[in-house]
Amino acid sequence: FGFEFVPITDGSVPVFHPDVTVYEVNDKATGRNVGLWYFDPFAR
């Protein structure tokens, strides 16, 4: 797909639970931001 995923670690994107991580999704060819990907992996 030509996507690059870059973790966001500076706290600039709020999350709703400590288990959630967020990544920038960019177009590898142009550097354009396509969006963000949130991941909430664990049962609770």
All heavy atoms as atom14 arrays in JSON, in Angstrom:
{
  "sequence": "FGFEFVPITDGSVPVFHPDVTVYEVNDKATGRNVGLWYFDPFAR",
  "atom14_mask": [
    [1, 1, 1, 1, 1, 1, 1, 1, 1, 1, 1, 0, 0, 0],
    [1, 1, 1, 1, 0, 0, 0, 0, 0, 0, 0, 0, 0, 0],
    [1, 1, 1, 1, 1, 1, 1, 1, 1, 1, 1, 0, 0, 0],
    [1, 1, 1, 1, 1, 1, 1, 1, 1, 0, 0, 0, 0, 0],
    [1, 1, 1, 1, 1, 1, 1, 1, 1, 1, 1, 0, 0, 0],
    [1, 1, 1, 1, 1, 1, 1, 0, 0, 0, 0, 0, 0, 0],
    [1, 1, 1, 1, 1, 1, 1, 0, 0, 0, 0, 0, 0, 0],
    [1, 1, 1, 1, 1, 1, 1, 1, 0, 0, 0, 0, 0, 0],
    [1, 1, 1, 1, 1, 1, 1, 0, 0, 0, 0, 0, 0, 0],
    [1, 1, 1, 1, 1, 1, 1, 1, 0, 0, 0, 0, 0, 0],
    [1, 1, 1, 1, 0, 0, 0, 0, 0, 0, 0, 0, 0, 0],
    [1, 1, 1, 1, 1, 1, 0, 0, 0, 0, 0, 0, 0, 0],
    [1, 1, 1, 1, 1, 1, 1, 0, 0, 0, 0, 0, 0, 0],
    [1, 1, 1, 1, 1, 1, 1, 0, 0, 0, 0, 0, 0, 0],
    [1, 1, 1, 1, 1, 1, 1, 0, 0, 0, 0, 0, 0, 0],
    [1, 1, 1, 1, 1, 1, 1, 1, 1, 1, 1, 0, 0, 0],
    [1, 1, 1, 1, 1, 1, 1, 1, 1, 1, 0, 0, 0, 0],
    [1, 1, 1, 1, 1, 1, 1, 0, 0, 0, 0, 0, 0, 0],
    [1, 1, 1, 1, 1, 1, 1, 1, 0, 0, 0, 0, 0, 0],
    [1, 1, 1, 1, 1, 1, 1, 0, 0, 0, 0, 0, 0, 0],
    [1, 1, 1, 1, 1, 1, 1, 0, 0, 0, 0, 0, 0, 0],
    [1, 1, 1, 1, 1, 1, 1, 0, 0, 0, 0, 0, 0, 0],
    [1, 1, 1, 1, 1, 1, 1, 1, 1, 1, 1, 1, 0, 0],
    [1, 1, 1, 1, 1, 1, 1, 1, 1, 0, 0, 0, 0, 0],
    [1, 1, 1, 1, 1, 1, 1, 0, 0, 0, 0, 0, 0, 0],
    [1, 1, 1, 1, 1, 1, 1, 1, 0, 0, 0, 0, 0, 0],
    [1, 1, 1, 1, 1, 1, 1, 1, 0, 0, 0, 0, 0, 0],
    [1, 1, 1, 1, 1, 1, 1, 1, 1, 0, 0, 0, 0, 0],
    [1, 1, 1, 1, 1, 0, 0, 0, 0, 0, 0, 0, 0, 0],
    [1, 1, 1, 1, 1, 1, 1, 0, 0, 0, 0, 0, 0, 0],
    [1, 1, 1, 1, 0, 0, 0, 0, 0, 0, 0, 0, 0, 0],
    [1, 1, 1, 1, 1, 1, 1, 1, 1, 1, 1, 0, 0, 0],
    [1, 1, 1, 1, 1, 1, 1, 1, 0, 0, 0, 0, 0, 0],
    [1, 1, 1, 1, 1, 1, 1, 0, 0, 0, 0, 0, 0, 0],
    [1, 1, 1, 1, 0, 0, 0, 0, 0, 0, 0, 0, 0, 0],
    [1, 1, 1, 1, 1, 1, 1, 1, 0, 0, 0, 0, 0, 0],
    [1, 1, 1, 1, 1, 1, 1, 1, 1, 1, 1, 1, 1, 1],
    [1, 1, 1, 1, 1, 1, 1, 1, 1, 1, 1, 1, 0, 0],
    [1, 1, 1, 1, 1, 1, 1, 1, 1, 1, 1, 0, 0, 0],
    [1, 1, 1, 1, 1, 1, 1, 1, 0, 0, 0, 0, 0, 0],
    [1, 1, 1, 1, 1, 1, 1, 0, 0, 0, 0, 0, 0, 0],
    [1, 1, 1, 1, 1, 1, 1, 1, 1, 1, 1, 0, 0, 0],
    [1, 1, 1, 1, 1, 0, 0, 0, 0, 0, 0, 0, 0, 0],
    [1, 1, 1, 1, 1, 1, 1, 1, 1, 1, 1, 0, 0, 0]
  ],
  "atom14_positions": [
    [[0.81, -1.22, 0.0], [0.0, 0.0, 0.0], [0.85, 1.27, 0.0], [0.3, 2.37, -0.16], [-0.93, 0.02, 1.22], [-1.97, -1.07, 1.21], [-1.65, -2.36, 1.63], [-3.26, -0.82, 0.78], [-2.6, -3.36, 1.62], [-4.22, -1.82, 0.76], [-3.88, -3.1, 1.18], [0.0, 0.0, 0.0], [0.0, 0.0, 0.0], [0.0, 0.0, 0.0]],
    [[2.13, 1.13, 0.23], [2.98, 2.31, 0.28], [2.81, 3.13, 1.54], [3.09, 4.34, 1.54], [0.0, 0.0, 0.0], [0.0, 0.0, 0.0], [0.0, 0.0, 0.0], [0.0, 0.0, 0.0], [0.0, 0.0, 0.0], [0.0, 0.0, 0.0], [0.0, 0.0, 0.0], [0.0, 0.0, 0.0], [0.0, 0.0, 0.0], [0.0, 0.0, 0.0]],
    [[2.38, 2.5, 2.64], [2.18, 3.21, 3.9], [3.37, 3.01, 4.82], [3.97, 1.95, 4.87], [0.92, 2.71, 4.62], [-0.38, 3.04, 3.93], [-1.5, 2.24, 4.13], [-0.49, 4.13, 3.1], [-2.7, 2.54, 3.52], [-1.68, 4.44, 2.47], [-2.79, 3.65, 2.68], [0.0, 0.0, 0.0], [0.0, 0.0, 0.0], [0.0, 0.0, 0.0]],
    [[3.64, 4.03, 5.62], [4.66, 3.96, 6.66], [4.0, 4.29, 7.99], [3.26, 5.28, 8.1], [5.78, 4.96, 6.38], [6.89, 4.95, 7.43], [7.97, 5.98, 7.12], [7.63, 7.05, 6.58], [9.13, 5.7, 7.44], [0.0, 0.0, 0.0], [0.0, 0.0, 0.0], [0.0, 0.0, 0.0], [0.0, 0.0, 0.0], [0.0, 0.0, 0.0]],
    [[4.26, 3.47, 9.01], [3.67, 3.64, 10.33], [4.75, 4.13, 11.3], [5.78, 3.48, 11.47], [3.07, 2.33, 10.82], [1.8, 1.94, 10.11], [1.85, 1.44, 8.81], [0.57, 2.08, 10.72], [0.69, 1.08, 8.14], [-0.6, 1.72, 10.06], [-0.53, 1.22, 8.77], [0.0, 0.0, 0.0], [0.0, 0.0, 0.0], [0.0, 0.0, 0.0]],
    [[4.49, 5.27, 11.94], [5.47, 5.89, 12.84], [4.81, 6.06, 14.21], [3.77, 6.73, 14.32], [5.92, 7.26, 12.31], [6.95, 7.87, 13.25], [6.48, 7.14, 10.89], [0.0, 0.0, 0.0], [0.0, 0.0, 0.0], [0.0, 0.0, 0.0], [0.0, 0.0, 0.0], [0.0, 0.0, 0.0], [0.0, 0.0, 0.0], [0.0, 0.0, 0.0]],
    [[5.37, 5.46, 15.26], [4.74, 5.59, 16.58], [4.74, 7.03, 17.07], [5.71, 7.77, 16.87], [5.61, 4.69, 17.47], [6.92, 4.58, 16.76], [6.6, 4.66, 15.29], [0.0, 0.0, 0.0], [0.0, 0.0, 0.0], [0.0, 0.0, 0.0], [0.0, 0.0, 0.0], [0.0, 0.0, 0.0], [0.0, 0.0, 0.0], [0.0, 0.0, 0.0]],
    [[3.66, 7.42, 17.72], [3.54, 8.74, 18.33], [3.78, 8.58, 19.82], [2.98, 7.95, 20.52], [2.16, 9.35, 18.05], [1.95, 9.52, 16.54], [2.01, 10.7, 18.77], [0.54, 9.94, 16.16], [0.0, 0.0, 0.0], [0.0, 0.0, 0.0], [0.0, 0.0, 0.0], [0.0, 0.0, 0.0], [0.0, 0.0, 0.0], [0.0, 0.0, 0.0]],
    [[4.86, 9.11, 20.3], [5.27, 8.88, 21.69], [5.33, 10.15, 22.53], [5.68, 10.09, 23.71], [6.66, 8.21, 21.72], [7.6, 9.05, 21.04], [6.62, 6.84, 21.03], [0.0, 0.0, 0.0], [0.0, 0.0, 0.0], [0.0, 0.0, 0.0], [0.0, 0.0, 0.0], [0.0, 0.0, 0.0], [0.0, 0.0, 0.0], [0.0, 0.0, 0.0]],
    [[4.99, 11.28, 21.93], [5.13, 12.54, 22.66], [3.86, 12.96, 23.39], [3.8, 14.06, 23.96], [5.57, 13.65, 21.71], [4.57, 13.92, 20.59], [3.49, 13.26, 20.57], [4.85, 14.78, 19.73], [0.0, 0.0, 0.0], [0.0, 0.0, 0.0], [0.0, 0.0, 0.0], [0.0, 0.0, 0.0], [0.0, 0.0, 0.0], [0.0, 0.0, 0.0]],
    [[2.83, 12.12, 23.37], [1.59, 12.44, 24.06], [0.71, 13.44, 23.35], [-0.28, 13.91, 23.92], [0.0, 0.0, 0.0], [0.0, 0.0, 0.0], [0.0, 0.0, 0.0], [0.0, 0.0, 0.0], [0.0, 0.0, 0.0], [0.0, 0.0, 0.0], [0.0, 0.0, 0.0], [0.0, 0.0, 0.0], [0.0, 0.0, 0.0], [0.0, 0.0, 0.0]],
    [[1.05, 13.78, 22.1], [0.26, 14.79, 21.38], [-1.1, 14.27, 20.95], [-2.0, 15.07, 20.64], [1.04, 15.27, 20.15], [1.29, 14.2, 19.25], [0.0, 0.0, 0.0], [0.0, 0.0, 0.0], [0.0, 0.0, 0.0], [0.0, 0.0, 0.0], [0.0, 0.0, 0.0], [0.0, 0.0, 0.0], [0.0, 0.0, 0.0], [0.0, 0.0, 0.0]],
    [[-1.28, 12.93, 20.92], [-2.56, 12.34, 20.54], [-3.14, 11.64, 21.77], [-2.59, 10.63, 22.23], [-2.41, 11.34, 19.38], [-3.75, 10.67, 19.08], [-1.88, 12.06, 18.14], [0.0, 0.0, 0.0], [0.0, 0.0, 0.0], [0.0, 0.0, 0.0], [0.0, 0.0, 0.0], [0.0, 0.0, 0.0], [0.0, 0.0, 0.0], [0.0, 0.0, 0.0]],
    [[-4.22, 12.14, 22.34], [-4.79, 11.54, 23.55], [-5.32, 10.13, 23.28], [-5.77, 9.82, 22.17], [-5.94, 12.48, 23.91], [-5.67, 13.74, 23.17], [-4.96, 13.34, 21.92], [0.0, 0.0, 0.0], [0.0, 0.0, 0.0], [0.0, 0.0, 0.0], [0.0, 0.0, 0.0], [0.0, 0.0, 0.0], [0.0, 0.0, 0.0], [0.0, 0.0, 0.0]],
    [[-5.27, 9.28, 24.31], [-5.83, 7.94, 24.22], [-6.83, 7.75, 25.36], [-6.82, 8.49, 26.35], [-4.74, 6.86, 24.29], [-3.83, 6.95, 23.07], [-3.91, 6.97, 25.57], [0.0, 0.0, 0.0], [0.0, 0.0, 0.0], [0.0, 0.0, 0.0], [0.0, 0.0, 0.0], [0.0, 0.0, 0.0], [0.0, 0.0, 0.0], [0.0, 0.0, 0.0]],
    [[-7.71, 6.76, 25.22], [-8.77, 6.56, 26.2], [-8.41, 5.51, 27.24], [-9.17, 5.28, 28.19], [-10.08, 6.17, 25.5], [-9.94, 5.03, 24.53], [-10.0, 3.72, 24.95], [-9.75, 5.28, 23.17], [-9.88, 2.68, 24.05], [-9.62, 4.24, 22.27], [-9.68, 2.92, 22.71], [0.0, 0.0, 0.0], [0.0, 0.0, 0.0], [0.0, 0.0, 0.0]],
    [[-7.24, 4.85, 27.07], [-6.79, 3.85, 28.04], [-5.28, 3.7, 27.88], [-4.76, 3.81, 26.77], [-7.48, 2.51, 27.8], [-7.26, 1.52, 28.9], [-6.13, 0.71, 28.96], [-8.01, 1.18, 29.99], [-6.21, -0.06, 30.03], [-7.34, 0.21, 30.67], [0.0, 0.0, 0.0], [0.0, 0.0, 0.0], [0.0, 0.0, 0.0], [0.0, 0.0, 0.0]],
    [[-4.56, 3.44, 28.97], [-3.1, 3.33, 28.86], [-2.62, 2.24, 27.9], [-1.49, 2.29, 27.41], [-2.67, 3.03, 30.31], [-3.76, 3.57, 31.15], [-5.02, 3.4, 30.37], [0.0, 0.0, 0.0], [0.0, 0.0, 0.0], [0.0, 0.0, 0.0], [0.0, 0.0, 0.0], [0.0, 0.0, 0.0], [0.0, 0.0, 0.0], [0.0, 0.0, 0.0]],
    [[-3.45, 1.23, 27.66], [-3.05, 0.15, 26.76], [-3.03, 0.58, 25.29], [-2.47, -0.13, 24.44], [-4.01, -1.04, 26.88], [-3.85, -1.79, 28.19], [-2.8, -1.61, 28.84], [-4.78, -2.53, 28.57], [0.0, 0.0, 0.0], [0.0, 0.0, 0.0], [0.0, 0.0, 0.0], [0.0, 0.0, 0.0], [0.0, 0.0, 0.0], [0.0, 0.0, 0.0]],
    [[-3.66, 1.7, 24.96], [-3.82, 2.11, 23.56], [-2.54, 2.8, 23.06], [-1.98, 3.66, 23.74], [-5.02, 3.06, 23.4], [-5.17, 3.52, 21.95], [-6.3, 2.37, 23.88], [0.0, 0.0, 0.0], [0.0, 0.0, 0.0], [0.0, 0.0, 0.0], [0.0, 0.0, 0.0], [0.0, 0.0, 0.0], [0.0, 0.0, 0.0], [0.0, 0.0, 0.0]],
    [[-2.09, 2.41, 21.88], [-0.98, 3.08, 21.21], [-1.47, 3.68, 19.91], [-2.45, 3.21, 19.33], [0.18, 2.1, 20.94], [-0.33, 0.95, 20.25], [0.84, 1.65, 22.22], [0.0, 0.0, 0.0], [0.0, 0.0, 0.0], [0.0, 0.0, 0.0], [0.0, 0.0, 0.0], [0.0, 0.0, 0.0], [0.0, 0.0, 0.0], [0.0, 0.0, 0.0]],
    [[-0.77, 4.73, 19.43], [-1.2, 5.44, 18.24], [-0.01, 5.63, 17.31], [1.12, 5.87, 17.76], [-1.8, 6.83, 18.58], [-2.46, 7.44, 17.35], [-2.79, 6.73, 19.73], [0.0, 0.0, 0.0], [0.0, 0.0, 0.0], [0.0, 0.0, 0.0], [0.0, 0.0, 0.0], [0.0, 0.0, 0.0], [0.0, 0.0, 0.0], [0.0, 0.0, 0.0]],
    [[-0.28, 5.54, 15.99], [0.77, 5.65, 14.98], [0.34, 6.62, 13.88], [-0.83, 6.62, 13.48], [1.05, 4.28, 14.34], [1.58, 3.26, 15.3], [0.72, 2.6, 16.18], [2.93, 2.96, 15.36], [1.2, 1.67, 17.09], [3.43, 2.02, 16.26], [2.55, 1.38, 17.12], [3.04, 0.47, 18.02], [0.0, 0.0, 0.0], [0.0, 0.0, 0.0]],
    [[1.29, 7.42, 13.43], [1.09, 8.16, 12.19], [1.1, 7.17, 11.03], [1.88, 6.23, 11.01], [2.24, 9.14, 11.94], [2.22, 10.41, 12.69], [3.34, 11.34, 12.22], [3.9, 11.1, 11.12], [3.65, 12.29, 12.94], [0.0, 0.0, 0.0], [0.0, 0.0, 0.0], [0.0, 0.0, 0.0], [0.0, 0.0, 0.0], [0.0, 0.0, 0.0]],
    [[0.23, 7.42, 10.04], [0.27, 6.64, 8.81], [0.55, 7.63, 7.68], [-0.26, 8.54, 7.43], [-1.06, 5.91, 8.55], [-0.93, 5.01, 7.32], [-1.48, 5.09, 9.77], [0.0, 0.0, 0.0], [0.0, 0.0, 0.0], [0.0, 0.0, 0.0], [0.0, 0.0, 0.0], [0.0, 0.0, 0.0], [0.0, 0.0, 0.0], [0.0, 0.0, 0.0]],
    [[1.71, 7.47, 7.04], [2.14, 8.4, 6.0], [2.33, 7.66, 4.68], [2.63, 6.46, 4.65], [3.44, 9.08, 6.39], [3.31, 9.88, 7.68], [2.29, 10.54, 7.9], [4.31, 9.83, 8.53], [0.0, 0.0, 0.0], [0.0, 0.0, 0.0], [0.0, 0.0, 0.0], [0.0, 0.0, 0.0], [0.0, 0.0, 0.0], [0.0, 0.0, 0.0]],
    [[2.17, 8.4, 3.59], [2.49, 7.88, 2.26], [4.01, 7.88, 2.11], [4.65, 8.94, 2.2], [1.83, 8.76, 1.2], [2.01, 8.21, -0.2], [3.17, 8.06, -0.63], [1.0, 7.96, -0.87], [0.0, 0.0, 0.0], [0.0, 0.0, 0.0], [0.0, 0.0, 0.0], [0.0, 0.0, 0.0], [0.0, 0.0, 0.0], [0.0, 0.0, 0.0]],
    [[4.6, 6.71, 1.9], [6.06, 6.6, 1.84], [6.64, 7.41, 0.69], [7.75, 7.96, 0.81], [6.46, 5.13, 1.68], [6.24, 4.29, 2.93], [6.42, 2.81, 2.65], [7.84, 2.48, 2.26], [8.03, 1.02, 2.07], [0.0, 0.0, 0.0], [0.0, 0.0, 0.0], [0.0, 0.0, 0.0], [0.0, 0.0, 0.0], [0.0, 0.0, 0.0]],
    [[5.91, 7.5, -0.41], [6.46, 8.17, -1.6], [6.45, 9.69, -1.45], [7.38, 10.37, -1.9], [5.68, 7.75, -2.84], [0.0, 0.0, 0.0], [0.0, 0.0, 0.0], [0.0, 0.0, 0.0], [0.0, 0.0, 0.0], [0.0, 0.0, 0.0], [0.0, 0.0, 0.0], [0.0, 0.0, 0.0], [0.0, 0.0, 0.0], [0.0, 0.0, 0.0]],
    [[5.41, 10.23, -0.83], [5.25, 11.69, -0.79], [5.43, 12.28, 0.61], [5.6, 13.49, 0.75], [3.85, 12.08, -1.3], [2.86, 11.56, -0.38], [3.6, 11.51, -2.69], [0.0, 0.0, 0.0], [0.0, 0.0, 0.0], [0.0, 0.0, 0.0], [0.0, 0.0, 0.0], [0.0, 0.0, 0.0], [0.0, 0.0, 0.0], [0.0, 0.0, 0.0]],
    [[5.34, 11.44, 1.64], [5.39, 11.94, 3.01], [4.07, 12.47, 3.5], [3.95, 12.91, 4.65], [0.0, 0.0, 0.0], [0.0, 0.0, 0.0], [0.0, 0.0, 0.0], [0.0, 0.0, 0.0], [0.0, 0.0, 0.0], [0.0, 0.0, 0.0], [0.0, 0.0, 0.0], [0.0, 0.0, 0.0], [0.0, 0.0, 0.0], [0.0, 0.0, 0.0]],
    [[3.04, 12.48, 2.66], [1.73, 13.0, 3.04], [1.12, 12.16, 4.14], [1.18, 10.95, 4.13], [0.81, 13.0, 1.81], [-0.63, 13.45, 2.08], [-1.47, 13.36, 0.82], [-1.61, 11.99, 0.36], [-2.58, 11.16, 0.76], [-3.48, 11.57, 1.65], [-2.65, 9.93, 0.28], [0.0, 0.0, 0.0], [0.0, 0.0, 0.0], [0.0, 0.0, 0.0]],
    [[0.52, 12.83, 5.13], [-0.14, 12.1, 6.2], [-1.47, 11.54, 5.7], [-2.35, 12.28, 5.24], [-0.39, 13.0, 7.42], [-1.1, 12.25, 8.54], [-2.25, 12.52, 8.85], [-0.42, 11.29, 9.14], [0.0, 0.0, 0.0], [0.0, 0.0, 0.0], [0.0, 0.0, 0.0], [0.0, 0.0, 0.0], [0.0, 0.0, 0.0], [0.0, 0.0, 0.0]],
    [[-1.62, 10.24, 5.79], [-2.85, 9.57, 5.41], [-3.82, 9.53, 6.57], [-5.04, 9.61, 6.39], [-2.55, 8.15, 4.9], [-3.83, 7.39, 4.59], [-1.63, 8.19, 3.69], [0.0, 0.0, 0.0], [0.0, 0.0, 0.0], [0.0, 0.0, 0.0], [0.0, 0.0, 0.0], [0.0, 0.0, 0.0], [0.0, 0.0, 0.0], [0.0, 0.0, 0.0]],
    [[-3.28, 9.43, 7.77], [-4.13, 9.38, 8.95], [-3.39, 8.84, 10.15], [-2.17, 8.87, 10.23], [0.0, 0.0, 0.0], [0.0, 0.0, 0.0], [0.0, 0.0, 0.0], [0.0, 0.0, 0.0], [0.0, 0.0, 0.0], [0.0, 0.0, 0.0], [0.0, 0.0, 0.0], [0.0, 0.0, 0.0], [0.0, 0.0, 0.0], [0.0, 0.0, 0.0]],
    [[-4.16, 8.33, 11.11], [-3.62, 7.72, 12.32], [-4.2, 6.32, 12.48], [-5.29, 6.02, 11.98], [-3.98, 8.55, 13.56], [-3.51, 10.0, 13.63], [-3.97, 10.63, 14.94], [-2.0, 10.11, 13.48], [0.0, 0.0, 0.0], [0.0, 0.0, 0.0], [0.0, 0.0, 0.0], [0.0, 0.0, 0.0], [0.0, 0.0, 0.0], [0.0, 0.0, 0.0]],
    [[-3.45, 5.48, 13.21], [-3.93, 4.13, 13.53], [-3.84, 3.94, 15.03], [-2.77, 4.06, 15.62], [-3.08, 3.08, 12.82], [-3.52, 1.67, 13.05], [-4.67, 1.08, 12.62], [-2.79, 0.64, 13.76], [-4.71, -0.24, 13.01], [-3.58, -0.54, 13.71], [-1.56, 0.61, 14.42], [-3.17, -1.73, 14.3], [-1.15, -0.58, 15.01], [-1.95, -1.73, 14.94]],
    [[-5.0, 3.69, 15.67], [-5.09, 3.43, 17.1], [-5.18, 1.92, 17.31], [-5.92, 1.23, 16.61], [-6.34, 4.06, 17.7], [-6.42, 5.57, 17.7], [-6.61, 6.29, 16.51], [-6.35, 6.3, 18.89], [-6.71, 7.67, 16.51], [-6.46, 7.69, 18.9], [-6.64, 8.36, 17.71], [-6.75, 9.74, 17.71], [0.0, 0.0, 0.0], [0.0, 0.0, 0.0]],
    [[-4.49, 1.4, 18.33], [-4.49, -0.04, 18.59], [-4.78, -0.28, 20.06], [-4.03, 0.15, 20.94], [-3.14, -0.64, 18.2], [-3.08, -2.15, 18.28], [-4.17, -2.93, 17.93], [-1.92, -2.78, 18.7], [-4.12, -4.31, 17.99], [-1.85, -4.17, 18.77], [-2.95, -4.94, 18.4], [0.0, 0.0, 0.0], [0.0, 0.0, 0.0], [0.0, 0.0, 0.0]],
    [[-5.88, -0.98, 20.34], [-6.31, -1.32, 21.71], [-6.35, -2.84, 21.81], [-7.36, -3.47, 21.49], [-7.69, -0.71, 21.97], [-8.17, -0.94, 23.4], [-7.37, -1.36, 24.24], [-9.37, -0.7, 23.67], [0.0, 0.0, 0.0], [0.0, 0.0, 0.0], [0.0, 0.0, 0.0], [0.0, 0.0, 0.0], [0.0, 0.0, 0.0], [0.0, 0.0, 0.0]],
    [[-5.27, -3.49, 22.27], [-5.14, -4.94, 22.09], [-5.71, -5.85, 23.17], [-5.99, -7.01, 22.88], [-3.62, -5.13, 22.01], [-3.05, -4.02, 22.84], [-4.01, -2.87, 22.71], [0.0, 0.0, 0.0], [0.0, 0.0, 0.0], [0.0, 0.0, 0.0], [0.0, 0.0, 0.0], [0.0, 0.0, 0.0], [0.0, 0.0, 0.0], [0.0, 0.0, 0.0]],
    [[-5.89, -5.36, 24.41], [-6.09, -6.3, 25.52], [-7.52, -6.32, 26.05], [-8.23, -5.31, 26.04], [-5.13, -5.98, 26.67], [-3.68, -6.08, 26.29], [-2.83, -4.99, 26.44], [-3.17, -7.25, 25.76], [-1.5, -5.08, 26.09], [-1.84, -7.35, 25.4], [-1.0, -6.26, 25.55], [0.0, 0.0, 0.0], [0.0, 0.0, 0.0], [0.0, 0.0, 0.0]],
    [[-7.92, -7.48, 26.56], [-9.22, -7.65, 27.2], [-9.24, -6.93, 28.55], [-8.21, -6.82, 29.21], [-9.52, -9.12, 27.39], [0.0, 0.0, 0.0], [0.0, 0.0, 0.0], [0.0, 0.0, 0.0], [0.0, 0.0, 0.0], [0.0, 0.0, 0.0], [0.0, 0.0, 0.0], [0.0, 0.0, 0.0], [0.0, 0.0, 0.0], [0.0, 0.0, 0.0]],
    [[-10.42, -6.44, 28.94], [-10.58, -5.83, 30.26], [-12.08, -5.72, 30.54], [-12.91, -5.81, 29.62], [-9.94, -4.43, 30.31], [-10.48, -3.45, 29.3], [-9.86, -2.06, 29.44], [-10.32, -1.2, 28.35], [-9.69, -1.07, 27.2], [-8.55, -1.71, 26.98], [-10.18, -0.28, 26.25], [0.0, 0.0, 0.0], [0.0, 0.0, 0.0], [0.0, 0.0, 0.0]]
  ]
}
